[in-house]
């Protein structure tokens, strides 16, 4: 099975309808990730074939849960997951990829240029020091930190009525129990990622009295 066929089948299972042009962009992103990973160590998954499920489809499983948002922040974006696949699938969404690692953001900027992604901005910054002109109505991360630390470091970036959509593996009972006061867990959704034999969950959260630091 080719990468494109596996991707198309996975998209069908995720009930995502993407154009041929969008699928081509995802294929090109995968090729860049595999190429740069040889020297930049962007991901522990080194086989390009495994990257389809582990990175593309895993990231794209977030997309159906971004409805209602217009600005997405991907914290600790690393090799661009889930932000770049989400930006390709949702060109109407303004996406900021935030990472403090210069090598990784160099790669991310190259991806944005080569793929021509006008809705993506890359920032090399520590999250606690990042002060954008406009806050975000959706904030996500895939492998940044535990939930309590994630909320603590990003609460100044969440817009009024904004939501966290954190990507996790097994159901994070202990992490949820340690969330700071004022953090409301709206729902924890089990997610099935095509081709990935592992548990995945999305944790949707909001803050009471957002704006109060």
N, C-alpha and C. Protein backbone atom coordinates (compact mmCIF):
# COMPACT_ATOMS: atom_id res chain seq x y z
N UNK A 1 0.84 -1.20 0.00
CA UNK A 1 0.00 0.00 0.00
C UNK A 1 0.87 1.25 0.00
N UNK A 2 0.60 2.18 -0.89
CA UNK A 2 1.38 3.41 -0.94
C UNK A 2 0.98 4.33 0.21
N UNK A 3 1.85 5.31 0.49
CA UNK A 3 1.54 6.29 1.54
C UNK A 3 0.23 7.01 1.23
N UNK A 4 0.06 7.38 -0.03
CA UNK A 4 -1.14 8.13 -0.41
C UNK A 4 -2.39 7.29 -0.22
N UNK A 5 -2.34 6.03 -0.59
CA UNK A 5 -3.50 5.15 -0.41
C UNK A 5 -3.83 4.98 1.06
N UNK A 6 -2.80 4.77 1.88
CA UNK A 6 -3.01 4.62 3.32
C UNK A 6 -3.62 5.89 3.91
N UNK A 7 -3.11 7.03 3.45
CA UNK A 7 -3.63 8.31 3.91
C UNK A 7 -5.09 8.49 3.50
N UNK A 8 -5.41 8.18 2.26
CA UNK A 8 -6.78 8.33 1.78
C UNK A 8 -7.74 7.42 2.55
N UNK A 9 -7.32 6.19 2.81
CA UNK A 9 -8.16 5.27 3.57
C UNK A 9 -8.35 5.77 5.00
N UNK A 10 -7.28 6.30 5.58
CA UNK A 10 -7.36 6.84 6.94
C UNK A 10 -8.29 8.04 7.02
N UNK A 11 -8.21 8.91 6.01
CA UNK A 11 -9.08 10.08 5.97
C UNK A 11 -10.55 9.67 5.90
N UNK A 12 -10.81 8.62 5.14
CA UNK A 12 -12.17 8.10 5.03
C UNK A 12 -12.67 7.61 6.38
N UNK A 13 -11.81 6.91 7.12
CA UNK A 13 -12.19 6.41 8.43
C UNK A 13 -12.40 7.55 9.43
N UNK A 14 -11.63 8.62 9.28
CA UNK A 14 -11.79 9.79 10.15
C UNK A 14 -12.94 10.69 9.70
N UNK A 15 -13.54 10.33 8.55
CA UNK A 15 -14.64 11.11 7.97
C UNK A 15 -14.20 12.54 7.66
N UNK A 16 -13.00 12.64 7.12
CA UNK A 16 -12.47 13.93 6.66
C UNK A 16 -12.41 13.93 5.14
N UNK A 17 -13.02 14.92 4.53
CA UNK A 17 -12.99 15.04 3.08
C UNK A 17 -11.98 16.12 2.68
N UNK A 18 -10.87 15.70 2.12
CA UNK A 18 -9.84 16.63 1.67
C UNK A 18 -9.69 16.54 0.16
N UNK A 19 -9.28 17.64 -0.44
CA UNK A 19 -9.08 17.67 -1.88
C UNK A 19 -7.78 16.96 -2.24
N UNK A 20 -7.62 16.67 -3.54
CA UNK A 20 -6.37 16.07 -4.01
C UNK A 20 -5.18 16.97 -3.70
N UNK A 21 -5.40 18.28 -3.79
CA UNK A 21 -4.33 19.24 -3.51
C UNK A 21 -3.92 19.18 -2.04
N UNK A 22 -4.88 19.02 -1.15
CA UNK A 22 -4.57 18.93 0.28
C UNK A 22 -3.83 17.63 0.58
N UNK A 23 -4.26 16.54 -0.04
CA UNK A 23 -3.59 15.25 0.16
C UNK A 23 -2.15 15.32 -0.36
N UNK A 24 -1.96 16.01 -1.47
CA UNK A 24 -0.61 16.20 -2.02
C UNK A 24 0.27 16.99 -1.04
N UNK A 25 -0.30 18.02 -0.41
CA UNK A 25 0.45 18.79 0.58
C UNK A 25 0.85 17.93 1.77
N UNK A 26 -0.05 17.06 2.22
CA UNK A 26 0.26 16.16 3.33
C UNK A 26 1.38 15.19 2.94
N UNK A 27 1.33 14.68 1.71
CA UNK A 27 2.39 13.79 1.21
C UNK A 27 3.74 14.52 1.17
N UNK A 28 3.72 15.75 0.71
CA UNK A 28 4.96 16.53 0.62
C UNK A 28 5.51 16.86 2.01
N UNK A 29 4.62 17.15 2.93
CA UNK A 29 5.03 17.40 4.31
C UNK A 29 5.70 16.16 4.89
N UNK A 30 5.11 15.00 4.65
CA UNK A 30 5.67 13.74 5.15
C UNK A 30 7.08 13.52 4.59
N UNK A 31 7.26 13.80 3.30
CA UNK A 31 8.57 13.63 2.67
C UNK A 31 9.61 14.56 3.29
N UNK A 32 9.21 15.82 3.55
CA UNK A 32 10.12 16.77 4.19
C UNK A 32 10.46 16.33 5.62
N UNK A 33 9.47 15.84 6.34
CA UNK A 33 9.69 15.38 7.71
C UNK A 33 10.69 14.22 7.73
N UNK A 34 10.51 13.26 6.82
CA UNK A 34 11.41 12.11 6.75
C UNK A 34 12.82 12.55 6.37
N UNK A 35 12.94 13.48 5.44
CA UNK A 35 14.25 13.95 4.98
C UNK A 35 15.00 14.69 6.08
N UNK A 36 14.33 15.67 6.70
CA UNK A 36 14.98 16.48 7.72
C UNK A 36 15.22 15.69 9.01
N UNK A 37 14.43 14.67 9.24
CA UNK A 37 14.57 13.88 10.46
C UNK A 37 15.91 13.16 10.51
N UNK A 38 16.51 12.93 9.35
CA UNK A 38 17.79 12.22 9.31
C UNK A 38 18.89 13.01 10.02
N UNK A 39 18.79 14.33 10.01
CA UNK A 39 19.84 15.15 10.64
C UNK A 39 19.32 15.98 11.81
N UNK A 40 18.02 16.28 11.83
CA UNK A 40 17.48 17.17 12.86
C UNK A 40 16.78 16.45 14.01
N UNK A 41 16.61 15.13 13.90
CA UNK A 41 15.99 14.35 14.97
C UNK A 41 14.66 14.96 15.42
N UNK A 42 13.76 15.11 14.47
CA UNK A 42 12.47 15.75 14.73
C UNK A 42 11.48 14.80 15.40
N UNK A 43 11.64 13.52 15.14
CA UNK A 43 10.71 12.52 15.68
C UNK A 43 11.43 11.20 15.86
N UNK A 44 11.01 10.45 16.88
CA UNK A 44 11.61 9.14 17.13
C UNK A 44 11.14 8.11 16.10
N UNK A 45 10.02 8.40 15.44
CA UNK A 45 9.52 7.51 14.39
C UNK A 45 10.29 7.82 13.11
N UNK A 46 11.13 6.90 12.69
CA UNK A 46 12.05 7.19 11.59
C UNK A 46 11.60 6.60 10.25
N UNK A 47 10.74 5.58 10.30
CA UNK A 47 10.29 4.96 9.06
C UNK A 47 9.15 5.77 8.46
N UNK A 48 9.32 6.18 7.21
CA UNK A 48 8.32 7.03 6.57
C UNK A 48 6.95 6.36 6.55
N UNK A 49 6.92 5.05 6.37
CA UNK A 49 5.64 4.34 6.32
C UNK A 49 4.87 4.48 7.63
N UNK A 50 5.57 4.39 8.75
CA UNK A 50 4.90 4.51 10.06
C UNK A 50 4.44 5.94 10.33
N UNK A 51 5.08 6.91 9.68
CA UNK A 51 4.73 8.31 9.92
C UNK A 51 3.31 8.64 9.47
N UNK A 52 2.77 7.87 8.50
CA UNK A 52 1.42 8.16 8.02
C UNK A 52 0.42 8.07 9.16
N UNK A 53 0.46 6.97 9.91
CA UNK A 53 -0.49 6.81 11.02
C UNK A 53 -0.04 7.57 12.26
N UNK A 54 1.25 7.45 12.61
CA UNK A 54 1.74 8.05 13.84
C UNK A 54 1.71 9.57 13.83
N UNK A 55 1.89 10.17 12.66
CA UNK A 55 1.97 11.62 12.61
C UNK A 55 0.83 12.27 11.82
N UNK A 56 0.63 11.85 10.58
CA UNK A 56 -0.41 12.50 9.79
C UNK A 56 -1.81 12.20 10.32
N UNK A 57 -2.17 10.92 10.39
CA UNK A 57 -3.53 10.57 10.79
C UNK A 57 -3.78 10.89 12.26
N UNK A 58 -2.78 10.70 13.10
CA UNK A 58 -2.92 11.05 14.51
C UNK A 58 -3.21 12.56 14.65
N UNK A 59 -2.45 13.38 13.93
CA UNK A 59 -2.68 14.83 13.96
C UNK A 59 -4.04 15.20 13.40
N UNK A 60 -4.42 14.55 12.31
CA UNK A 60 -5.68 14.88 11.65
C UNK A 60 -6.90 14.45 12.47
N UNK A 61 -6.71 13.54 13.43
CA UNK A 61 -7.83 13.16 14.30
C UNK A 61 -8.30 14.33 15.15
N UNK A 62 -7.47 15.36 15.27
CA UNK A 62 -7.84 16.57 16.01
C UNK A 62 -8.83 17.44 15.24
N UNK A 63 -8.74 17.42 13.91
CA UNK A 63 -9.45 18.38 13.06
C UNK A 63 -10.97 18.42 13.28
N UNK A 64 -11.66 17.28 13.40
CA UNK A 64 -13.11 17.36 13.61
C UNK A 64 -13.51 18.05 14.92
N UNK A 65 -12.55 18.25 15.80
CA UNK A 65 -12.85 18.83 17.12
C UNK A 65 -12.41 20.29 17.22
N UNK A 66 -12.12 20.90 16.07
CA UNK A 66 -11.71 22.31 16.05
C UNK A 66 -12.81 23.24 15.57
N UNK A 67 -14.00 22.70 15.33
CA UNK A 67 -15.11 23.53 14.85
C UNK A 67 -15.38 24.68 15.82
N UNK A 68 -15.66 25.84 15.24
CA UNK A 68 -15.94 27.02 16.06
C UNK A 68 -14.71 27.85 16.35
N UNK A 69 -13.54 27.33 16.04
CA UNK A 69 -12.32 28.08 16.28
C UNK A 69 -11.81 28.76 15.02
N UNK A 70 -11.08 29.85 15.20
CA UNK A 70 -10.48 30.54 14.06
C UNK A 70 -8.98 30.72 14.22
N UNK A 71 -8.49 30.62 15.47
CA UNK A 71 -7.06 30.76 15.74
C UNK A 71 -6.60 29.59 16.62
N UNK A 72 -5.64 28.82 16.11
CA UNK A 72 -5.15 27.65 16.82
C UNK A 72 -3.68 27.83 17.17
N UNK A 73 -3.34 27.55 18.43
CA UNK A 73 -1.95 27.55 18.87
C UNK A 73 -1.52 26.11 19.14
N UNK A 74 -0.45 25.69 18.49
CA UNK A 74 0.14 24.36 18.70
C UNK A 74 1.38 24.56 19.55
N UNK A 75 1.30 24.18 20.83
CA UNK A 75 2.37 24.43 21.79
C UNK A 75 3.38 23.28 21.77
N UNK A 76 4.67 23.63 21.66
CA UNK A 76 5.69 22.59 21.57
C UNK A 76 5.53 21.80 20.30
N UNK A 77 5.40 22.50 19.20
CA UNK A 77 5.02 21.87 17.93
C UNK A 77 6.03 20.86 17.41
N UNK A 78 7.31 21.03 17.75
CA UNK A 78 8.32 20.05 17.33
C UNK A 78 8.44 19.96 15.83
N UNK A 79 8.09 18.81 15.29
CA UNK A 79 8.13 18.61 13.84
C UNK A 79 6.89 19.08 13.12
N UNK A 80 5.99 19.79 13.86
CA UNK A 80 4.80 20.35 13.22
C UNK A 80 3.52 19.59 13.48
N UNK A 81 3.53 18.71 14.47
CA UNK A 81 2.33 17.93 14.77
C UNK A 81 1.70 18.42 16.07
N UNK A 82 0.40 18.67 16.06
CA UNK A 82 -0.56 18.44 14.98
C UNK A 82 -0.81 19.65 14.08
N UNK A 83 -0.07 20.75 14.31
CA UNK A 83 -0.42 22.02 13.68
C UNK A 83 -0.40 22.05 12.17
N UNK A 84 0.64 21.46 11.55
CA UNK A 84 0.72 21.53 10.09
C UNK A 84 -0.36 20.70 9.40
N UNK A 85 -0.57 19.44 9.78
CA UNK A 85 -1.69 18.71 9.17
C UNK A 85 -3.04 19.40 9.41
N UNK A 86 -3.23 19.97 10.59
CA UNK A 86 -4.48 20.69 10.86
C UNK A 86 -4.63 21.91 9.97
N UNK A 87 -3.52 22.63 9.75
CA UNK A 87 -3.55 23.82 8.90
C UNK A 87 -3.83 23.46 7.45
N UNK A 88 -3.31 22.32 7.00
CA UNK A 88 -3.57 21.88 5.63
C UNK A 88 -5.03 21.48 5.48
N UNK A 89 -5.56 20.77 6.47
CA UNK A 89 -6.96 20.32 6.41
C UNK A 89 -7.95 21.46 6.61
N UNK A 90 -7.52 22.51 7.33
CA UNK A 90 -8.40 23.65 7.62
C UNK A 90 -7.71 24.95 7.20
N UNK A 91 -7.66 25.25 5.89
CA UNK A 91 -6.97 26.45 5.43
C UNK A 91 -7.62 27.74 5.92
N UNK A 92 -8.85 27.65 6.44
CA UNK A 92 -9.53 28.82 7.00
C UNK A 92 -9.04 29.13 8.41
N UNK A 93 -8.27 28.24 9.00
CA UNK A 93 -7.81 28.37 10.38
C UNK A 93 -6.43 29.03 10.41
N UNK A 94 -6.27 30.04 11.25
CA UNK A 94 -4.96 30.64 11.44
C UNK A 94 -4.22 29.84 12.51
N UNK A 95 -3.07 29.29 12.14
CA UNK A 95 -2.34 28.38 13.03
C UNK A 95 -0.97 28.95 13.37
N UNK A 96 -0.65 28.96 14.65
CA UNK A 96 0.69 29.36 15.10
C UNK A 96 1.37 28.13 15.68
N UNK A 97 2.57 27.83 15.15
CA UNK A 97 3.40 26.73 15.65
C UNK A 97 4.44 27.33 16.58
N UNK A 98 4.40 26.94 17.84
CA UNK A 98 5.28 27.53 18.85
C UNK A 98 6.25 26.47 19.39
N UNK A 99 7.54 26.77 19.30
CA UNK A 99 8.54 25.87 19.86
C UNK A 99 9.79 26.69 20.20
N UNK A 100 10.46 26.31 21.27
CA UNK A 100 11.66 27.06 21.69
C UNK A 100 12.93 26.54 21.05
N UNK A 101 12.83 25.39 20.35
CA UNK A 101 14.00 24.77 19.72
C UNK A 101 14.24 25.37 18.33
N UNK A 102 15.37 26.03 18.15
CA UNK A 102 15.65 26.73 16.90
C UNK A 102 15.75 25.78 15.71
N UNK A 103 16.34 24.60 15.91
CA UNK A 103 16.44 23.65 14.80
C UNK A 103 15.06 23.23 14.31
N UNK A 104 14.17 22.99 15.25
CA UNK A 104 12.83 22.56 14.88
C UNK A 104 12.05 23.67 14.19
N UNK A 105 12.18 24.90 14.67
CA UNK A 105 11.45 25.99 14.02
C UNK A 105 12.06 26.34 12.67
N UNK A 106 13.36 26.08 12.49
CA UNK A 106 13.97 26.25 11.17
C UNK A 106 13.32 25.29 10.18
N UNK A 107 13.13 24.04 10.61
CA UNK A 107 12.43 23.06 9.77
C UNK A 107 11.00 23.52 9.49
N UNK A 108 10.30 23.96 10.51
CA UNK A 108 8.90 24.36 10.34
C UNK A 108 8.77 25.53 9.35
N UNK A 109 9.68 26.47 9.43
CA UNK A 109 9.63 27.61 8.49
C UNK A 109 9.90 27.14 7.07
N UNK A 110 10.79 26.17 6.91
CA UNK A 110 11.06 25.62 5.58
C UNK A 110 9.81 24.93 5.03
N UNK A 111 9.10 24.21 5.87
CA UNK A 111 7.85 23.55 5.45
C UNK A 111 6.84 24.59 4.98
N UNK A 112 6.68 25.64 5.76
CA UNK A 112 5.71 26.70 5.42
C UNK A 112 6.04 27.31 4.06
N UNK A 113 7.33 27.55 3.81
CA UNK A 113 7.75 28.14 2.54
C UNK A 113 7.55 27.16 1.38
N UNK A 114 8.04 25.93 1.56
CA UNK A 114 7.98 24.96 0.45
C UNK A 114 6.55 24.54 0.11
N UNK A 115 5.70 24.45 1.12
CA UNK A 115 4.32 24.04 0.87
C UNK A 115 3.41 25.22 0.58
N UNK A 116 3.88 26.42 0.85
CA UNK A 116 3.06 27.60 0.61
C UNK A 116 1.83 27.62 1.50
N UNK A 117 2.06 27.73 2.80
CA UNK A 117 0.95 27.70 3.77
C UNK A 117 0.75 29.10 4.36
N UNK A 118 -0.10 29.91 3.75
CA UNK A 118 -0.26 31.30 4.20
C UNK A 118 -0.95 31.42 5.56
N UNK A 119 -1.59 30.36 6.02
CA UNK A 119 -2.32 30.41 7.29
C UNK A 119 -1.48 29.92 8.46
N UNK A 120 -0.17 29.71 8.25
CA UNK A 120 0.69 29.20 9.31
C UNK A 120 1.79 30.20 9.64
N UNK A 121 1.98 30.43 10.94
CA UNK A 121 3.07 31.28 11.44
C UNK A 121 3.90 30.45 12.42
N UNK A 122 5.22 30.60 12.33
CA UNK A 122 6.13 29.85 13.21
C UNK A 122 6.79 30.83 14.18
N UNK A 123 6.78 30.49 15.47
CA UNK A 123 7.40 31.32 16.49
C UNK A 123 8.42 30.52 17.29
N UNK A 124 9.64 31.07 17.41
CA UNK A 124 10.66 30.46 18.25
C UNK A 124 10.65 31.19 19.58
N UNK A 125 10.03 30.58 20.56
CA UNK A 125 9.79 31.28 21.83
C UNK A 125 9.41 30.27 22.90
N UNK A 126 9.78 30.57 24.12
CA UNK A 126 9.28 29.78 25.25
C UNK A 126 7.83 30.18 25.48
N UNK A 127 6.98 29.21 25.74
CA UNK A 127 5.55 29.48 25.79
C UNK A 127 5.19 30.50 26.86
N UNK A 128 5.87 30.44 28.01
CA UNK A 128 5.53 31.36 29.10
C UNK A 128 5.91 32.81 28.78
N UNK A 129 6.83 32.99 27.81
CA UNK A 129 7.27 34.33 27.43
C UNK A 129 6.55 34.87 26.19
N UNK A 130 5.78 34.03 25.55
CA UNK A 130 5.12 34.40 24.29
C UNK A 130 3.95 35.34 24.57
N UNK A 131 3.98 36.49 23.91
CA UNK A 131 2.94 37.51 24.11
C UNK A 131 2.40 37.96 22.74
N UNK A 132 1.49 37.21 22.14
CA UNK A 132 0.96 37.58 20.83
C UNK A 132 0.00 38.77 20.93
N UNK A 133 -0.20 39.45 19.80
CA UNK A 133 -1.13 40.57 19.79
C UNK A 133 -2.57 40.09 19.99
N UNK A 134 -2.85 38.91 19.53
CA UNK A 134 -4.21 38.35 19.62
C UNK A 134 -4.15 36.97 20.25
N UNK A 135 -5.08 36.71 21.17
CA UNK A 135 -5.10 35.42 21.85
C UNK A 135 -5.76 34.36 20.97
N UNK A 136 -5.82 33.14 21.49
CA UNK A 136 -6.26 31.99 20.70
C UNK A 136 -7.54 31.38 21.26
N UNK A 137 -8.46 31.03 20.33
CA UNK A 137 -9.69 30.39 20.81
C UNK A 137 -9.56 28.87 20.88
N UNK A 138 -8.45 28.32 20.35
CA UNK A 138 -8.15 26.91 20.50
C UNK A 138 -6.65 26.77 20.76
N UNK A 139 -6.31 26.01 21.80
CA UNK A 139 -4.90 25.73 22.10
C UNK A 139 -4.74 24.22 22.22
N UNK A 140 -3.74 23.68 21.53
CA UNK A 140 -3.53 22.23 21.56
C UNK A 140 -2.06 21.93 21.81
N UNK A 141 -1.79 20.69 22.15
CA UNK A 141 -0.42 20.16 22.19
C UNK A 141 -0.52 18.65 22.09
N UNK A 142 0.54 18.04 21.60
CA UNK A 142 0.52 16.60 21.46
C UNK A 142 1.48 15.92 22.42
N UNK A 143 2.60 16.49 22.68
CA UNK A 143 3.57 15.85 23.56
C UNK A 143 4.36 16.90 24.34
N UNK A 144 3.68 17.95 24.77
CA UNK A 144 4.37 19.09 25.38
C UNK A 144 4.62 18.86 26.87
N UNK A 145 3.59 18.54 27.62
CA UNK A 145 3.74 18.38 29.07
C UNK A 145 2.48 17.75 29.63
N UNK A 146 2.49 17.54 30.95
CA UNK A 146 1.27 17.09 31.60
C UNK A 146 0.26 18.24 31.60
N UNK A 147 -1.01 17.90 31.77
CA UNK A 147 -2.09 18.88 31.61
C UNK A 147 -1.96 20.08 32.55
N UNK A 148 -1.60 19.85 33.81
CA UNK A 148 -1.51 20.96 34.76
C UNK A 148 -0.47 21.98 34.33
N UNK A 149 0.70 21.50 33.90
CA UNK A 149 1.76 22.39 33.44
C UNK A 149 1.34 23.09 32.14
N UNK A 150 0.69 22.37 31.27
CA UNK A 150 0.20 22.91 30.00
C UNK A 150 -0.73 24.10 30.26
N UNK A 151 -1.69 23.93 31.16
CA UNK A 151 -2.63 25.01 31.47
C UNK A 151 -1.92 26.18 32.16
N UNK A 152 -1.06 25.86 33.10
CA UNK A 152 -0.34 26.90 33.84
C UNK A 152 0.46 27.82 32.91
N UNK A 153 1.14 27.20 31.93
CA UNK A 153 2.03 27.97 31.05
C UNK A 153 1.30 28.70 29.92
N UNK A 154 0.05 28.34 29.66
CA UNK A 154 -0.63 28.89 28.49
C UNK A 154 -1.89 29.69 28.82
N UNK A 155 -2.24 29.80 30.08
CA UNK A 155 -3.52 30.43 30.41
C UNK A 155 -3.58 31.88 29.92
N UNK A 156 -2.43 32.56 29.83
CA UNK A 156 -2.40 33.94 29.36
C UNK A 156 -2.63 34.04 27.85
N UNK A 157 -2.65 32.90 27.17
CA UNK A 157 -2.80 32.89 25.71
C UNK A 157 -4.20 32.51 25.25
N UNK A 158 -5.05 32.08 26.18
CA UNK A 158 -6.39 31.61 25.83
C UNK A 158 -7.38 32.77 25.79
N UNK A 159 -8.09 32.89 24.67
CA UNK A 159 -9.07 33.96 24.50
C UNK A 159 -10.32 33.70 25.34
N UNK A 160 -11.13 34.74 25.53
CA UNK A 160 -12.43 34.57 26.18
C UNK A 160 -13.22 33.49 25.43
N UNK A 161 -13.85 32.61 26.17
CA UNK A 161 -14.62 31.50 25.60
C UNK A 161 -13.75 30.50 24.83
N UNK A 162 -12.43 30.62 24.99
CA UNK A 162 -11.53 29.71 24.29
C UNK A 162 -11.50 28.33 24.93
N UNK A 163 -10.96 27.37 24.20
CA UNK A 163 -10.91 25.99 24.67
C UNK A 163 -9.54 25.38 24.46
N UNK A 164 -9.15 24.54 25.39
CA UNK A 164 -8.01 23.66 25.18
C UNK A 164 -8.51 22.37 24.53
N UNK A 165 -7.75 21.87 23.57
CA UNK A 165 -8.02 20.55 23.00
C UNK A 165 -6.70 19.80 23.03
N UNK A 166 -6.42 19.17 24.17
CA UNK A 166 -5.13 18.52 24.38
C UNK A 166 -5.18 17.08 23.90
N UNK A 167 -4.11 16.65 23.22
CA UNK A 167 -4.02 15.30 22.69
C UNK A 167 -3.24 14.43 23.67
N UNK A 168 -3.87 13.32 24.08
CA UNK A 168 -3.26 12.43 25.07
C UNK A 168 -3.36 10.98 24.60
N UNK A 169 -2.59 10.11 25.25
CA UNK A 169 -2.63 8.69 24.95
C UNK A 169 -3.73 8.02 25.77
N UNK A 170 -3.34 7.29 26.81
CA UNK A 170 -4.34 6.64 27.67
C UNK A 170 -5.12 7.70 28.43
N UNK A 171 -6.28 7.33 28.94
CA UNK A 171 -7.13 8.26 29.67
C UNK A 171 -6.33 8.86 30.83
N UNK A 172 -6.15 10.21 30.85
CA UNK A 172 -5.23 10.82 31.82
C UNK A 172 -5.88 11.12 33.17
N UNK A 173 -6.30 10.08 33.87
CA UNK A 173 -6.98 10.27 35.16
C UNK A 173 -6.15 11.10 36.13
N UNK A 174 -4.88 10.72 36.31
CA UNK A 174 -4.03 11.40 37.29
C UNK A 174 -3.77 12.85 36.90
N UNK A 175 -3.53 13.09 35.60
CA UNK A 175 -3.28 14.46 35.15
C UNK A 175 -4.50 15.35 35.37
N UNK A 176 -5.67 14.82 35.12
CA UNK A 176 -6.91 15.59 35.32
C UNK A 176 -7.09 15.93 36.79
N UNK A 177 -6.76 14.98 37.66
CA UNK A 177 -6.91 15.20 39.10
C UNK A 177 -6.00 16.32 39.61
N UNK A 178 -4.90 16.57 38.90
CA UNK A 178 -3.93 17.57 39.33
C UNK A 178 -4.09 18.93 38.65
N UNK A 179 -5.15 19.08 37.86
CA UNK A 179 -5.37 20.36 37.16
C UNK A 179 -5.58 21.49 38.16
N UNK A 180 -5.08 22.69 37.85
CA UNK A 180 -5.25 23.81 38.77
C UNK A 180 -6.71 24.22 38.91
N UNK A 181 -6.99 24.85 40.04
CA UNK A 181 -8.35 25.31 40.31
C UNK A 181 -8.81 26.26 39.21
N UNK A 182 -10.07 26.13 38.84
CA UNK A 182 -10.61 26.99 37.79
C UNK A 182 -10.54 26.39 36.41
N UNK A 183 -9.91 25.20 36.30
CA UNK A 183 -9.86 24.50 35.02
C UNK A 183 -11.03 23.52 34.96
N UNK A 184 -11.85 23.67 33.95
CA UNK A 184 -13.03 22.83 33.80
C UNK A 184 -12.82 21.86 32.63
N UNK A 185 -12.90 20.57 32.92
CA UNK A 185 -12.80 19.57 31.86
C UNK A 185 -14.19 19.38 31.26
N UNK A 186 -14.37 19.81 30.03
CA UNK A 186 -15.67 19.72 29.36
C UNK A 186 -15.97 18.29 28.95
N UNK A 187 -14.95 17.60 28.40
CA UNK A 187 -15.13 16.21 28.00
C UNK A 187 -13.79 15.58 27.68
N UNK A 188 -13.74 14.27 27.81
CA UNK A 188 -12.58 13.49 27.40
C UNK A 188 -13.08 12.48 26.37
N UNK A 189 -12.61 12.64 25.14
CA UNK A 189 -13.13 11.84 24.03
C UNK A 189 -12.13 10.78 23.61
N UNK A 190 -12.54 9.50 23.57
CA UNK A 190 -11.66 8.48 23.00
C UNK A 190 -11.58 8.68 21.48
N UNK A 191 -10.39 8.54 20.93
CA UNK A 191 -10.17 8.75 19.50
C UNK A 191 -9.53 7.51 18.91
N UNK A 192 -10.07 7.07 17.79
CA UNK A 192 -9.47 5.94 17.07
C UNK A 192 -8.69 6.48 15.88
N UNK A 193 -7.39 6.22 15.88
CA UNK A 193 -6.53 6.66 14.78
C UNK A 193 -6.28 5.48 13.86
N UNK A 194 -6.68 5.57 12.59
CA UNK A 194 -6.48 4.47 11.65
C UNK A 194 -5.01 4.04 11.57
N UNK A 195 -4.78 2.75 11.70
CA UNK A 195 -3.43 2.21 11.58
C UNK A 195 -2.60 2.31 12.83
N UNK A 196 -3.17 2.84 13.90
CA UNK A 196 -2.42 3.03 15.14
C UNK A 196 -3.04 2.18 16.24
N UNK A 197 -2.29 1.20 16.71
CA UNK A 197 -2.79 0.29 17.73
C UNK A 197 -2.39 0.82 19.10
N UNK A 198 -3.00 1.93 19.47
CA UNK A 198 -2.69 2.56 20.76
C UNK A 198 -3.86 3.44 21.17
N UNK A 199 -4.02 3.61 22.47
CA UNK A 199 -5.10 4.47 22.96
C UNK A 199 -4.80 5.93 22.66
N UNK A 200 -5.84 6.66 22.32
CA UNK A 200 -5.74 8.10 22.11
C UNK A 200 -6.99 8.76 22.70
N UNK A 201 -6.78 9.91 23.34
CA UNK A 201 -7.90 10.68 23.90
C UNK A 201 -7.67 12.16 23.64
N UNK A 202 -8.77 12.88 23.46
CA UNK A 202 -8.74 14.34 23.38
C UNK A 202 -9.38 14.89 24.65
N UNK A 203 -8.67 15.80 25.30
CA UNK A 203 -9.19 16.41 26.52
C UNK A 203 -9.57 17.85 26.21
N UNK A 204 -10.86 18.11 26.28
CA UNK A 204 -11.36 19.47 26.01
C UNK A 204 -11.56 20.18 27.35
N UNK A 205 -10.92 21.34 27.50
CA UNK A 205 -10.96 22.08 28.76
C UNK A 205 -11.23 23.55 28.51
N UNK A 206 -11.72 24.21 29.54
CA UNK A 206 -11.87 25.67 29.51
C UNK A 206 -11.47 26.21 30.88
N UNK A 207 -11.31 27.53 30.94
CA UNK A 207 -10.95 28.16 32.20
C UNK A 207 -12.09 29.03 32.71
N UNK A 208 -12.37 28.93 33.98
CA UNK A 208 -13.33 29.83 34.58
C UNK A 208 -12.69 31.20 34.72
N UNK A 209 -13.40 32.23 34.29
CA UNK A 209 -12.87 33.59 34.42
C UNK A 209 -11.62 33.82 33.63
N UNK A 210 -11.60 33.39 32.36
CA UNK A 210 -10.44 33.61 31.50
C UNK A 210 -10.19 35.11 31.39
N UNK A 211 -8.93 35.48 31.47
CA UNK A 211 -8.58 36.90 31.44
C UNK A 211 -8.00 37.32 32.78
N UNK A 212 -8.43 36.66 33.84
CA UNK A 212 -7.88 36.92 35.15
C UNK A 212 -6.59 36.11 35.30
N UNK A 213 -5.51 36.78 35.52
CA UNK A 213 -4.22 36.08 35.63
C UNK A 213 -3.97 35.64 37.06
